[in-house]
Amino acid sequence: MVTFNYITDEEFRRSLESDYSELISCIENKAYKSAHVLSGSIIEAILIDYLISVDLVEREEALKMDFGKAIKVCLDNNIISVKTRDLCSVIKGYRNLIHPGRMIRLSEKVGIDSASVAKSLVSIVIEEVEIKRLEKYGYTAEQIVSKIENDASAKSIIPNLLSELNTSELERLMLKILPKQCLDLTDDVPKHIIPAYIYCFDTAFNLSSDEIKKRVANNLAKTVKEESGDYLIAYGTFFISPSYFKYMTEDNYKIVKKYLLNEFVEFFKYSQLKGIGEYIESEEDIALFTNAVVSTFCLSDNDTSEQGIKRFFIYESTNMEPGIIELIEERLNLWIKLIDGKEDNIVASKVHQLLSLLNSVRSLK
């Protein structure tokens, strides 16, 4: 399958993808002249863009090159093979097909065979240029995402793949590409993709410099402050966690912390709140945290989820100051007081379990 994932300029990549889709349509509808023109245009654009991106040719000079010159420069610099150079003769005169001069225009003959070769040549050039791009710059963010989507076992090699990204692509992966992919997810997305996206984001973050971490973390806060609806839900559900707090400004971290605690009272995912314990400070934090834990624990309907919530509660409590633990205990006792005398033994039993866990944590401090 032809992709243009190694092209980092999003607008240019979309243009190429549109042209290639039109090329396929032209061949299917026997518009062979149009297929030749599109094939030549795509190949010329790919080659000239690459020559500019690797600084082999000045931009102004590259944009003045004809097709033959671009092919020669790419061959001389081992970007394309001799075989590819030879195949390019099939579409070397593609501009003549739309030339206003009658003799020039009619001198070029096309049909199904040459159109099919032209289409195949597009794939060959894409592959060869992509290999050279990878050798020089490593993967692009789009290629990482494509690997995740098409390979259910890709999660195991994500650290290796990310180690081959340059810093700009690593940052771009976190700031633009992964958030966009999560926003575009459909209900029938394969089950391996979302965990792989989250792991990919976390791994990329850990591999980044402190400067990039600060930009990414504060962008998370910017998203919380400025976005809403599906975008914020997708971004927040997958990528916002307490592990990024220390890279945020104080104002930003407090805003994001409040967002997490408020949102997860209703949509509580204890795995994503890991690390929140050391940031529980105010009475509001304590109320929101305790209510989230109690509500989720009471709504859990199987042993696995109950054990997960218990482990989370113990882990976060061990990272809290003694005074905070005492206030959480008071909050749990308030829950018991509210249900005391009511016929809700299940809730009461679960709140007592949490109190017992809290006392065991306190005894270890």
Protein backbone atom coordinates (compact mmCIF):
# COMPACT_ATOMS: atom_id res chain seq x y z
CA MET A 1 0.00 0.00 0.00
CA VAL A 2 1.38 3.41 -1.00
CA THR A 3 1.79 5.91 1.83
CA PHE A 4 3.50 9.25 2.12
CA ASN A 5 4.16 8.98 5.87
CA TYR A 6 7.78 10.02 5.53
CA ILE A 7 6.64 13.48 4.34
CA THR A 8 6.55 15.69 7.45
CA ASP A 9 4.86 18.71 5.86
CA GLU A 10 1.19 17.88 6.44
CA GLU A 11 -0.24 20.07 3.68
CA PHE A 12 2.22 18.72 1.10
CA ARG A 13 1.54 15.15 2.21
CA ARG A 14 -2.24 15.63 1.88
CA SER A 15 -1.72 17.07 -1.60
CA LEU A 16 0.31 14.02 -2.66
CA GLU A 17 -2.24 11.65 -1.16
CA SER A 18 -5.01 13.43 -3.06
CA ASP A 19 -3.05 13.24 -6.32
CA TYR A 20 -2.34 9.54 -5.82
CA SER A 21 -6.01 8.81 -5.11
CA GLU A 22 -6.89 10.65 -8.31
CA LEU A 23 -4.22 8.67 -10.19
CA ILE A 24 -5.87 5.39 -9.16
CA SER A 25 -9.24 6.73 -10.24
CA CYS A 26 -7.84 7.79 -13.63
CA ILE A 27 -6.50 4.31 -14.38
CA GLU A 28 -9.74 2.68 -13.27
CA ASN A 29 -11.65 4.98 -15.61
CA LYS A 30 -9.18 4.57 -18.53
CA ALA A 31 -8.03 8.18 -18.35
CA TYR A 32 -4.49 7.15 -19.23
CA LYS A 33 -3.19 10.56 -20.28
CA SER A 34 -4.28 12.02 -16.94
CA ALA A 35 -2.66 9.06 -15.17
CA HIS A 36 0.65 9.87 -16.86
CA VAL A 37 0.45 13.54 -15.95
CA LEU A 38 -0.36 12.78 -12.34
CA SER A 39 2.36 10.12 -12.04
CA GLY A 40 4.98 12.46 -13.44
CA SER A 41 3.81 15.31 -11.23
CA ILE A 42 3.91 13.17 -8.07
CA ILE A 43 7.37 11.76 -8.81
CA GLU A 44 8.81 15.15 -9.70
CA ALA A 45 7.36 16.70 -6.53
CA ILE A 46 8.75 13.91 -4.32
CA LEU A 47 12.25 14.11 -5.80
CA ILE A 48 12.51 17.90 -5.74
CA ASP A 49 11.11 18.09 -2.22
CA TYR A 50 13.71 15.59 -1.06
CA LEU A 51 16.57 17.45 -2.76
CA ILE A 52 15.49 20.61 -0.95
CA SER A 53 14.93 18.90 2.43
CA VAL A 54 18.45 17.41 2.53
CA ASP A 55 20.07 20.64 1.26
CA LEU A 56 21.48 19.02 -1.87
CA VAL A 57 20.09 21.82 -4.01
CA GLU A 58 19.07 25.36 -3.16
CA ARG A 59 15.30 25.82 -3.12
CA GLU A 60 15.20 28.34 -5.97
CA GLU A 61 17.41 26.16 -8.15
CA ALA A 62 15.43 23.01 -7.37
CA LEU A 63 12.12 24.61 -8.29
CA LYS A 64 13.53 25.51 -11.71
CA MET A 65 14.67 21.95 -12.48
CA ASP A 66 13.03 19.99 -15.24
CA PHE A 67 12.15 16.33 -14.74
CA GLY A 68 15.29 15.02 -16.43
CA LYS A 69 17.59 17.19 -14.32
CA ALA A 70 15.87 16.11 -11.10
CA ILE A 71 16.29 12.46 -12.06
CA LYS A 72 19.98 12.97 -12.86
CA VAL A 73 20.75 14.74 -9.57
CA CYS A 74 18.93 12.05 -7.60
CA LEU A 75 20.77 9.28 -9.43
CA ASP A 76 24.13 10.98 -8.96
CA ASN A 77 23.46 11.21 -5.21
CA ASN A 78 22.32 7.59 -4.93
CA ILE A 79 18.76 8.57 -4.01
CA ILE A 80 17.22 6.46 -6.79
CA SER A 81 18.56 3.40 -8.57
CA VAL A 82 19.67 3.07 -12.19
CA LYS A 83 16.66 0.83 -12.82
CA THR A 84 14.35 3.55 -11.55
CA ARG A 85 16.13 6.12 -13.71
CA ASP A 86 15.55 3.94 -16.75
CA LEU A 87 11.88 3.37 -15.92
CA CYS A 88 11.42 7.12 -15.61
CA SER A 89 11.79 7.31 -19.38
CA VAL A 90 8.18 6.10 -19.54
CA ILE A 91 6.96 9.38 -18.07
CA LYS A 92 9.87 11.68 -18.88
CA GLY A 93 7.73 13.53 -21.41
CA TYR A 94 4.63 13.73 -19.22
CA ARG A 95 4.51 17.51 -19.49
CA ASN A 96 4.30 17.20 -23.27
CA LEU A 97 0.88 15.59 -22.89
CA ILE A 98 -0.56 18.97 -21.92
CA HIS A 99 1.82 21.13 -23.98
CA PRO A 100 -0.01 23.74 -26.10
CA GLY A 101 2.12 22.91 -29.17
CA ARG A 102 0.36 20.44 -31.47
CA MET A 103 3.44 18.49 -32.62
CA ILE A 104 4.87 18.20 -29.12
CA ARG A 105 1.54 17.27 -27.64
CA LEU A 106 0.82 14.56 -30.19
CA SER A 107 4.31 13.07 -30.09
CA GLU A 108 3.59 11.41 -26.74
CA LYS A 109 1.57 8.18 -26.90
CA VAL A 110 -0.01 6.61 -23.82
CA GLY A 111 -2.15 3.60 -23.06
CA ILE A 112 -3.00 1.10 -20.31
CA ASP A 113 0.47 -0.47 -20.33
CA SER A 114 2.43 2.75 -19.96
CA ALA A 115 -0.11 4.09 -17.43
CA SER A 116 0.33 0.96 -15.31
CA VAL A 117 4.11 1.32 -15.45
CA ALA A 118 3.77 4.97 -14.48
CA LYS A 119 1.66 4.04 -11.45
CA SER A 120 4.16 1.35 -10.40
CA LEU A 121 6.99 3.83 -10.82
CA VAL A 122 5.34 6.13 -8.30
CA SER A 123 5.48 3.31 -5.73
CA ILE A 124 9.12 2.53 -6.55
CA VAL A 125 10.21 6.16 -6.18
CA ILE A 126 8.30 6.55 -2.91
CA GLU A 127 10.00 3.45 -1.50
CA GLU A 128 13.51 4.48 -2.56
CA VAL A 129 13.17 8.05 -1.30
CA GLU A 130 11.63 6.82 1.96
CA ILE A 131 14.63 4.53 2.56
CA LYS A 132 17.04 7.43 2.01
CA ARG A 133 14.95 9.64 4.27
CA LEU A 134 15.07 7.00 7.00
CA GLU A 135 18.84 6.57 6.67
CA LYS A 136 19.42 10.29 7.05
CA TYR A 137 16.75 11.40 9.53
CA GLY A 138 15.16 8.31 11.06
CA TYR A 139 11.43 7.68 11.23
CA THR A 140 8.72 10.31 11.11
CA ALA A 141 5.92 10.58 13.66
CA GLU A 142 3.46 9.37 11.01
CA GLN A 143 5.51 6.24 10.38
CA ILE A 144 5.47 5.39 14.10
CA VAL A 145 1.68 5.75 14.20
CA SER A 146 1.30 3.71 11.02
CA LYS A 147 3.39 0.91 12.53
CA ILE A 148 1.23 0.90 15.66
CA GLU A 149 -1.98 0.75 13.65
CA ASN A 150 -0.89 -2.00 11.29
CA ASP A 151 1.04 -4.25 13.67
CA ALA A 152 -0.63 -5.55 16.82
CA SER A 153 2.78 -6.54 18.23
CA ALA A 154 4.35 -3.10 17.64
CA LYS A 155 4.05 -2.04 21.29
CA SER A 156 7.01 -4.23 22.24
CA ILE A 157 9.35 -2.37 19.90
CA ILE A 158 8.09 1.18 20.45
CA PRO A 159 11.17 2.18 22.52
CA ASN A 160 13.44 1.02 19.68
CA LEU A 161 11.39 2.87 17.07
CA LEU A 162 11.28 6.08 19.10
CA SER A 163 15.03 5.99 19.66
CA GLU A 164 15.39 6.50 15.90
CA LEU A 165 13.28 9.68 15.87
CA ASN A 166 15.05 13.01 15.83
CA THR A 167 14.04 15.48 18.53
CA SER A 168 11.72 17.54 16.34
CA GLU A 169 9.76 14.45 15.28
CA LEU A 170 9.62 13.20 18.87
CA GLU A 171 8.07 16.48 19.96
CA ARG A 172 5.74 16.57 16.95
CA LEU A 173 4.55 13.05 17.76
CA MET A 174 3.38 14.18 21.21
CA LEU A 175 2.09 17.63 20.36
CA LYS A 176 0.24 16.91 17.11
CA ILE A 177 0.19 13.42 15.67
CA LEU A 178 -0.91 11.20 18.57
CA PRO A 179 -3.59 13.65 19.80
CA LYS A 180 -5.00 13.88 16.28
CA GLN A 181 -5.04 10.09 15.94
CA CYS A 182 -6.92 9.71 19.21
CA LEU A 183 -9.48 12.31 18.16
CA ASP A 184 -10.08 10.37 14.94
CA LEU A 185 -10.60 6.99 16.64
CA THR A 186 -13.76 5.13 15.77
CA ASP A 187 -15.82 2.72 17.85
CA ASP A 188 -14.46 -0.30 15.98
CA VAL A 189 -10.78 0.54 16.56
CA PRO A 190 -8.67 -2.61 17.16
CA LYS A 191 -8.19 -3.14 20.89
CA HIS A 192 -4.37 -2.99 20.74
CA ILE A 193 -4.22 0.56 19.41
CA ILE A 194 -5.28 2.73 22.38
CA PRO A 195 -2.88 1.10 24.91
CA ALA A 196 -0.12 1.36 22.31
CA TYR A 197 -0.83 5.06 21.75
CA ILE A 198 -0.68 5.77 25.47
CA TYR A 199 2.52 3.76 25.90
CA CYS A 200 4.01 5.49 22.87
CA PHE A 201 3.25 8.94 24.31
CA ASP A 202 4.70 8.05 27.73
CA THR A 203 7.81 6.50 26.20
CA ALA A 204 8.37 9.47 23.90
CA PHE A 205 7.99 11.81 26.87
CA ASN A 206 10.54 9.87 28.93
CA LEU A 207 13.02 9.91 26.03
CA SER A 208 12.73 13.67 25.60
CA SER A 209 14.92 16.41 26.98
CA ASP A 210 13.65 18.48 29.90
CA GLU A 211 12.97 21.38 27.55
CA ILE A 212 10.72 19.26 25.35
CA LYS A 213 9.05 17.77 28.42
CA LYS A 214 8.20 21.27 29.65
CA ARG A 215 6.74 22.28 26.29
CA VAL A 216 4.68 19.10 26.01
CA ALA A 217 3.48 19.21 29.64
CA ASN A 218 2.44 22.85 29.45
CA ASN A 219 0.72 22.16 26.15
CA LEU A 220 -1.38 19.59 28.00
CA ALA A 221 -2.41 22.37 30.37
CA LYS A 222 -3.12 24.67 27.43
CA THR A 223 -5.39 22.01 25.99
CA VAL A 224 -7.31 21.74 29.27
CA LYS A 225 -7.73 25.52 29.42
CA GLU A 226 -8.65 26.15 25.79
CA GLU A 227 -10.25 23.02 24.33
CA SER A 228 -13.55 21.30 25.00
CA GLY A 229 -15.78 18.52 23.79
CA ASP A 230 -14.46 15.41 22.08
CA TYR A 231 -10.96 16.79 21.59
CA LEU A 232 -10.44 17.44 25.30
CA ILE A 233 -11.98 14.10 26.24
CA ALA A 234 -9.68 12.24 23.84
CA TYR A 235 -6.62 14.20 24.90
CA GLY A 236 -7.43 14.00 28.60
CA THR A 237 -8.39 10.35 28.62
CA PHE A 238 -5.19 9.22 26.97
CA PHE A 239 -2.42 11.67 27.71
CA ILE A 240 -2.98 13.80 30.82
CA SER A 241 -1.55 12.31 33.99
CA PRO A 242 0.15 13.42 37.24
CA SER A 243 3.53 12.21 35.95
CA TYR A 244 3.74 15.42 33.90
CA PHE A 245 2.92 17.82 36.74
CA LYS A 246 6.54 18.51 37.70
CA TYR A 247 7.26 19.90 34.24
CA MET A 248 4.34 22.36 34.35
CA THR A 249 4.28 25.84 35.74
CA GLU A 250 2.61 26.00 39.15
CA ASP A 251 -0.56 27.61 37.80
CA ASN A 252 -0.82 25.06 34.99
CA TYR A 253 -0.31 22.04 37.22
CA LYS A 254 -3.04 23.20 39.61
CA ILE A 255 -5.47 23.67 36.72
CA VAL A 256 -4.73 20.22 35.29
CA LYS A 257 -4.88 18.56 38.70
CA LYS A 258 -8.32 20.05 39.30
CA TYR A 259 -9.44 18.91 35.86
CA LEU A 260 -8.30 15.33 36.51
CA LEU A 261 -9.89 15.12 39.93
CA ASN A 262 -13.16 16.63 38.75
CA GLU A 263 -13.45 14.55 35.61
CA PHE A 264 -12.56 11.29 37.21
CA VAL A 265 -15.12 11.54 39.99
CA GLU A 266 -17.50 10.42 37.27
CA PHE A 267 -15.13 8.74 34.79
CA PHE A 268 -12.60 7.36 37.21
CA LYS A 269 -9.62 5.47 35.81
CA TYR A 270 -7.30 4.75 38.68
CA SER A 271 -4.52 3.64 36.35
CA GLN A 272 -4.37 7.12 34.81
CA LEU A 273 -4.34 8.91 38.15
CA LYS A 274 -1.24 7.06 39.28
CA GLY A 275 1.03 9.50 41.13
CA ILE A 276 -1.74 11.89 42.16
CA GLY A 277 -1.22 11.12 45.86
CA GLU A 278 1.79 13.39 46.39
CA TYR A 279 -0.15 16.29 44.84
CA ILE A 280 -3.21 16.04 47.10
CA GLU A 281 -2.94 19.26 49.12
CA SER A 282 -6.11 21.28 49.60
CA GLU A 283 -9.42 20.36 51.19
CA GLU A 284 -10.96 20.41 47.72
CA ASP A 285 -8.32 17.91 46.49
CA ILE A 286 -9.07 15.64 49.43
CA ALA A 287 -12.82 15.74 48.87
CA LEU A 288 -12.56 15.06 45.15
CA PHE A 289 -9.99 12.28 45.54
CA THR A 290 -11.86 10.49 48.33
CA ASN A 291 -15.21 10.75 46.58
CA ALA A 292 -13.72 9.37 43.37
CA VAL A 293 -12.21 6.38 45.14
CA VAL A 294 -15.32 5.61 47.19
CA SER A 295 -17.71 6.02 44.26
CA THR A 296 -15.64 3.83 41.95
CA PHE A 297 -15.03 1.19 44.61
CA CYS A 298 -18.73 0.98 45.38
CA LEU A 299 -19.64 0.71 41.71
CA SER A 300 -17.07 -1.99 40.96
CA ASP A 301 -18.73 -5.27 40.14
CA ASN A 302 -15.88 -7.77 40.07
CA ASP A 303 -12.87 -8.82 42.14
CA THR A 304 -10.35 -7.67 39.55
CA SER A 305 -11.51 -4.06 39.50
CA GLU A 306 -11.88 -4.02 43.30
CA GLN A 307 -8.31 -5.24 43.76
CA GLY A 308 -7.08 -2.64 41.29
CA ILE A 309 -8.77 0.19 43.19
CA LYS A 310 -7.40 -1.10 46.51
CA ARG A 311 -3.85 -1.21 45.13
CA PHE A 312 -4.26 2.29 43.74
CA PHE A 313 -5.58 3.63 47.06
CA ILE A 314 -2.71 2.06 49.04
CA TYR A 315 -0.08 3.28 46.61
CA GLU A 316 -1.35 6.86 46.55
CA SER A 317 -1.83 6.98 50.30
CA THR A 318 1.79 5.99 50.91
CA ASN A 319 2.85 9.11 48.99
CA MET A 320 0.72 11.48 51.07
CA GLU A 321 1.71 13.54 54.04
CA PRO A 322 0.40 12.24 57.42
CA GLY A 323 -1.86 15.25 57.81
CA ILE A 324 -3.49 14.55 54.45
CA ILE A 325 -4.11 10.92 55.43
CA GLU A 326 -5.87 12.09 58.58
CA LEU A 327 -8.15 14.36 56.56
CA ILE A 328 -8.96 11.54 54.14
CA GLU A 329 -9.82 9.37 57.15
CA GLU A 330 -12.20 12.09 58.33
CA ARG A 331 -13.75 12.16 54.89
CA LEU A 332 -14.27 8.39 54.91
CA ASN A 333 -15.85 8.58 58.37
CA LEU A 334 -18.18 11.24 57.02
CA TRP A 335 -19.24 8.78 54.32
CA ILE A 336 -19.98 6.18 57.01
CA LYS A 337 -21.95 8.72 59.01
CA LEU A 338 -24.05 9.56 55.96
CA ILE A 339 -24.99 5.93 55.35
CA ASP A 340 -25.23 4.93 59.01
CA GLY A 341 -28.65 3.52 59.74
CA LYS A 342 -29.48 3.09 56.08
CA GLU A 343 -29.96 -0.33 54.56
CA ASP A 344 -26.87 -0.13 52.37
CA ASN A 345 -24.52 -2.65 53.91
CA ILE A 346 -22.48 -3.04 50.72
CA VAL A 347 -21.42 0.63 50.63
CA ALA A 348 -20.72 0.65 54.34
CA SER A 349 -18.62 -2.49 54.05
CA LYS A 350 -16.55 -1.03 51.22
CA VAL A 351 -15.93 2.28 52.98
CA HIS A 352 -14.80 0.33 56.07
CA GLN A 353 -12.39 -1.62 53.84
CA LEU A 354 -10.89 1.66 52.65
CA LEU A 355 -10.54 2.87 56.22
CA SER A 356 -8.77 -0.34 57.14
CA LEU A 357 -6.36 0.06 54.22
CA LEU A 358 -5.68 3.66 55.28
CA ASN A 359 -4.90 2.56 58.83
CA SER A 360 -2.48 -0.06 57.54
CA VAL A 361 -0.68 2.61 55.52
CA ARG A 362 -0.50 4.90 58.54
CA SER A 363 1.03 2.14 60.64
CA LEU A 364 3.88 1.85 58.13
CA LYS A 365 4.75 5.54 58.25
